[in-house]
Structure formats: C-alpha cells, structure tokens
Amino acid sequence: MDADGGSSRGADQHSGPGTPKQAGGLFLQGTKAFILNSTIANNSAPYAAAVNEYSNNATGSLDFVNVTLFGNSATTVNTALEIGNDISGTFLNSTIAGNTGGIGSGAGIKLTNTIIANNGTTNCSKSHPAGSGNIQYPSGGTACTAVLSMKIQSLDRFRTMADLPIL
C-alpha cells in the first residue's frame, strides 16, 4: 500500500486492549491510498470491518487494483468498507465478497471489473459510477452501479477465498 499524507493506521482505533472499534483492517483518514495486489481478510470490528476511509479537510482518495476483501465481520454497522461520499477513487479488478456487509457510502468510488457478492446485509448502500465488467449478486436492494454488466443466478458455490473467480 502507498499512502500519501493523512494517517494510515491499522487496527489501532481501539476501545480496549486488542479490540478495534472501527476498521479492523485499515483506518485511513485524509489519505491518498493506492492498494495493489492485496487481500484484506478475516478482520472484525464493530464498524467498517476491513477498511474505513474518511476525508480530512475534504482530501482523500482510495484506489484498489486487484484487491480482495473476504470474510470481514462488522458487529454493529455491517460494512466491510466504510467510505466517505467525498472520497474519490477507483476499484479495478477487485472482489468484495463473503463479508457481513459490503460498501457503505463511497458514492465517489468508480467500480470497473469488480465483483461485489454475498455480503450479508447489503452489497452497497449507495450507487457508484460504473466502469464496465461489474458483477453484483444478489442484485436486490441498492444497485452498486447504475448498469450491471452481468446477471448471475447463483454464487452459492463461492464459500472460500479459493473458490472466488480470478479476474
């Protein structure tokens, strides 16, 4: 990960010893973060189980390229990613699947060739600018993008990280 400015802290936003209160994986505030060829998996926190990114004085961006978020568990606000609506960026060739929740907010994040599937309570709380090649399953609730590139009947066979398709 390359972070420019702001703060980039792992699970040090604790409410007690060893217990993160938000961002079980990464807590980013006002950063320009670029995450490449990474997996953020099996984290837990009451809020934003995998990544939390909010702006600091209206600055901040978040770019994922070939990133997988899998098996992250939030206990209070069910999101794997919690992103401020004023954060810009792109998720390219990434997979967000098998978490207790998907993407919370983050309306400025463009999705391209990204799979968002089987994320507990919801896949996306806001619609995002769409590139091409995105897959969302199930497609009910808020659509992650205005236009989905593919409808899938079932992704039930994808239960572990090894089962996820490689983009």
Protein backbone atom coordinates (compact mmCIF):
# COMPACT_ATOMS: atom_id res chain seq x y z
CA MET A 1 0.00 0.00 0.00
CA ASP A 2 1.17 3.50 -0.77
CA ALA A 3 -0.30 6.22 1.43
CA ASP A 4 0.40 9.90 0.83
CA GLY A 5 -0.28 12.28 3.71
CA GLY A 6 -3.05 11.87 6.27
CA SER A 7 -2.91 8.94 8.61
CA SER A 8 -2.72 5.26 7.80
CA ARG A 9 -3.27 3.11 10.83
CA GLY A 10 -4.18 -0.50 11.11
CA ALA A 11 -6.42 -1.68 13.90
CA ASP A 12 -5.19 0.88 16.43
CA GLN A 13 -8.55 2.61 16.74
CA HIS A 14 -9.28 0.54 19.84
CA SER A 15 -11.92 0.71 22.51
CA GLY A 16 -9.91 -1.66 24.71
CA PRO A 17 -6.92 -3.96 24.55
CA GLY A 18 -6.96 -5.82 21.23
CA THR A 19 -10.47 -4.66 20.30
CA PRO A 20 -10.75 -2.27 17.34
CA LYS A 21 -13.80 -0.01 17.44
CA GLN A 22 -13.63 0.69 13.72
CA ALA A 23 -11.57 -0.52 10.79
CA GLY A 24 -10.44 -3.98 11.76
CA GLY A 25 -8.03 -3.92 8.77
CA LEU A 26 -7.10 -0.34 7.79
CA PHE A 27 -8.14 3.01 9.24
CA LEU A 28 -7.35 5.77 6.74
CA GLN A 29 -8.17 9.42 7.22
CA GLY A 30 -7.44 12.08 4.62
CA THR A 31 -5.02 9.81 2.78
CA LYS A 32 -4.39 9.20 -0.88
CA ALA A 33 -4.19 5.43 -0.65
CA PHE A 34 -3.37 3.05 -3.50
CA ILE A 35 -3.69 -0.63 -2.63
CA LEU A 36 -2.36 -3.12 -5.19
CA ASN A 37 -2.44 -6.94 -5.35
CA SER A 38 -3.64 -7.34 -1.78
CA THR A 39 -6.06 -9.34 0.31
CA ILE A 40 -7.79 -7.83 3.33
CA ALA A 41 -9.47 -10.77 5.02
CA ASN A 42 -10.88 -12.13 8.27
CA ASN A 43 -10.86 -8.85 10.21
CA SER A 44 -13.52 -7.91 12.71
CA ALA A 45 -14.66 -4.66 14.29
CA PRO A 46 -17.96 -3.18 15.38
CA TYR A 47 -17.78 -0.75 12.44
CA ALA A 48 -16.07 -0.99 9.00
CA ALA A 49 -14.57 -4.43 9.46
CA ALA A 50 -11.94 -4.19 6.69
CA VAL A 51 -11.31 -0.54 5.68
CA ASN A 52 -12.50 2.85 6.92
CA GLU A 53 -11.60 5.92 4.77
CA TYR A 54 -12.91 9.39 5.51
CA SER A 55 -11.63 12.70 4.26
CA ASN A 56 -9.65 15.14 6.33
CA ASN A 57 -10.38 18.72 5.28
CA ALA A 58 -12.02 17.46 2.06
CA THR A 59 -8.97 15.44 0.95
CA GLY A 60 -8.65 11.75 0.37
CA SER A 61 -8.80 9.10 -2.31
CA LEU A 62 -8.88 5.32 -2.32
CA ASP A 63 -7.80 3.16 -5.26
CA PHE A 64 -7.90 -0.66 -5.28
CA VAL A 65 -6.31 -2.68 -8.10
CA ASN A 66 -6.52 -6.48 -7.83
CA VAL A 67 -7.72 -6.36 -4.22
CA THR A 68 -9.86 -8.96 -2.46
CA LEU A 69 -11.90 -8.27 0.67
CA PHE A 70 -13.25 -11.50 2.10
CA GLY A 71 -14.55 -12.80 5.43
CA ASN A 72 -14.55 -9.44 7.25
CA SER A 73 -17.12 -9.17 10.04
CA ALA A 74 -18.66 -5.99 11.45
CA THR A 75 -20.86 -6.41 14.52
CA THR A 76 -22.63 -3.02 14.81
CA VAL A 77 -22.63 -1.31 11.39
CA ASN A 78 -22.43 -4.17 8.92
CA THR A 79 -19.95 -2.91 6.33
CA ALA A 80 -16.63 -4.29 5.13
CA LEU A 81 -15.77 -0.85 3.72
CA GLU A 82 -16.98 2.46 5.09
CA ILE A 83 -16.02 5.31 2.76
CA GLY A 84 -16.92 9.00 2.93
CA ASN A 85 -19.00 10.24 -0.01
CA ASP A 86 -16.38 12.93 -0.70
CA ILE A 87 -13.65 10.31 -1.25
CA SER A 88 -12.77 9.72 -4.90
CA GLY A 89 -11.10 6.71 -6.46
CA THR A 90 -11.46 3.51 -8.45
CA PHE A 91 -11.86 -0.16 -7.63
CA LEU A 92 -10.42 -2.08 -10.58
CA ASN A 93 -10.32 -5.88 -10.95
CA SER A 94 -11.30 -6.29 -7.31
CA THR A 95 -13.57 -8.62 -5.34
CA ILE A 96 -15.64 -7.74 -2.28
CA ALA A 97 -17.40 -10.92 -1.23
CA GLY A 98 -18.40 -13.00 1.77
CA ASN A 99 -18.31 -10.16 4.32
CA THR A 100 -21.09 -9.31 6.81
CA GLY A 101 -21.76 -6.21 4.68
CA GLY A 102 -20.37 -4.61 1.52
CA ILE A 103 -19.60 -0.96 0.74
CA GLY A 104 -21.11 1.70 2.99
CA SER A 105 -21.39 5.08 1.21
CA GLY A 106 -18.41 5.99 -1.01
CA ALA A 107 -20.51 7.44 -3.85
CA GLY A 108 -17.33 8.86 -5.45
CA ILE A 109 -15.70 5.45 -5.98
CA LYS A 110 -15.86 4.18 -9.59
CA LEU A 111 -16.22 0.41 -10.00
CA THR A 112 -14.64 -1.36 -13.00
CA ASN A 113 -14.34 -5.15 -13.49
CA THR A 114 -15.30 -5.59 -9.85
CA ILE A 115 -17.29 -8.37 -8.19
CA ILE A 116 -19.45 -7.47 -5.21
CA ALA A 117 -21.27 -10.54 -3.97
CA ASN A 118 -22.83 -12.31 -0.99
CA ASN A 119 -22.11 -9.56 1.52
CA GLY A 120 -24.58 -10.29 4.32
CA THR A 121 -27.00 -7.42 4.85
CA THR A 122 -26.21 -5.38 1.71
CA ASN A 123 -23.68 -5.17 -1.11
CA CYS A 124 -23.78 -1.37 -1.47
CA SER A 125 -25.55 1.41 0.41
CA LYS A 126 -25.03 3.91 -2.46
CA SER A 127 -24.81 3.68 -6.22
CA HIS A 128 -21.32 4.21 -7.65
CA PRO A 129 -20.06 5.49 -11.01
CA ALA A 130 -19.79 2.47 -13.30
CA GLY A 131 -16.97 1.35 -15.49
CA SER A 132 -17.56 -1.90 -17.37
CA GLY A 133 -17.45 -5.56 -16.40
CA ASN A 134 -19.01 -5.33 -12.93
CA ILE A 135 -20.92 -8.17 -11.25
CA GLN A 136 -23.24 -7.79 -8.27
CA TYR A 137 -25.00 -10.70 -6.58
CA PRO A 138 -27.67 -10.68 -5.39
CA SER A 139 -28.85 -7.69 -7.37
CA GLY A 140 -31.63 -6.65 -4.96
CA GLY A 141 -31.50 -3.52 -2.79
CA THR A 142 -29.32 -0.60 -3.83
CA ALA A 143 -27.51 -1.33 -7.08
CA CYS A 144 -23.76 -0.89 -6.71
CA THR A 145 -23.69 0.69 -10.18
CA ALA A 146 -26.39 2.04 -12.46
CA VAL A 147 -25.71 -0.68 -15.03
CA LEU A 148 -24.58 -4.18 -14.18
CA SER A 149 -22.62 -5.99 -16.84
CA MET A 150 -23.75 -9.47 -15.90
CA LYS A 151 -26.59 -11.16 -14.04
CA ILE A 152 -25.66 -14.26 -12.09
CA GLN A 153 -28.21 -16.83 -10.98
CA SER A 154 -26.17 -18.13 -8.04
CA LEU A 155 -22.82 -17.61 -6.42
CA ASP A 156 -23.58 -20.02 -3.61
CA ARG A 157 -20.67 -22.25 -4.63
CA PHE A 158 -18.18 -19.50 -3.69
CA ARG A 159 -17.74 -20.15 0.03
CA THR A 160 -13.98 -19.73 0.48
CA MET A 161 -11.35 -17.41 -0.99
CA ALA A 162 -10.04 -20.28 -3.10
CA ASP A 163 -13.49 -20.56 -4.74
CA LEU A 164 -13.62 -16.92 -5.88
CA PRO A 165 -13.08 -16.25 -9.60
CA ILE A 166 -9.88 -14.58 -10.66
CA LEU A 167 -10.46 -11.50 -12.79
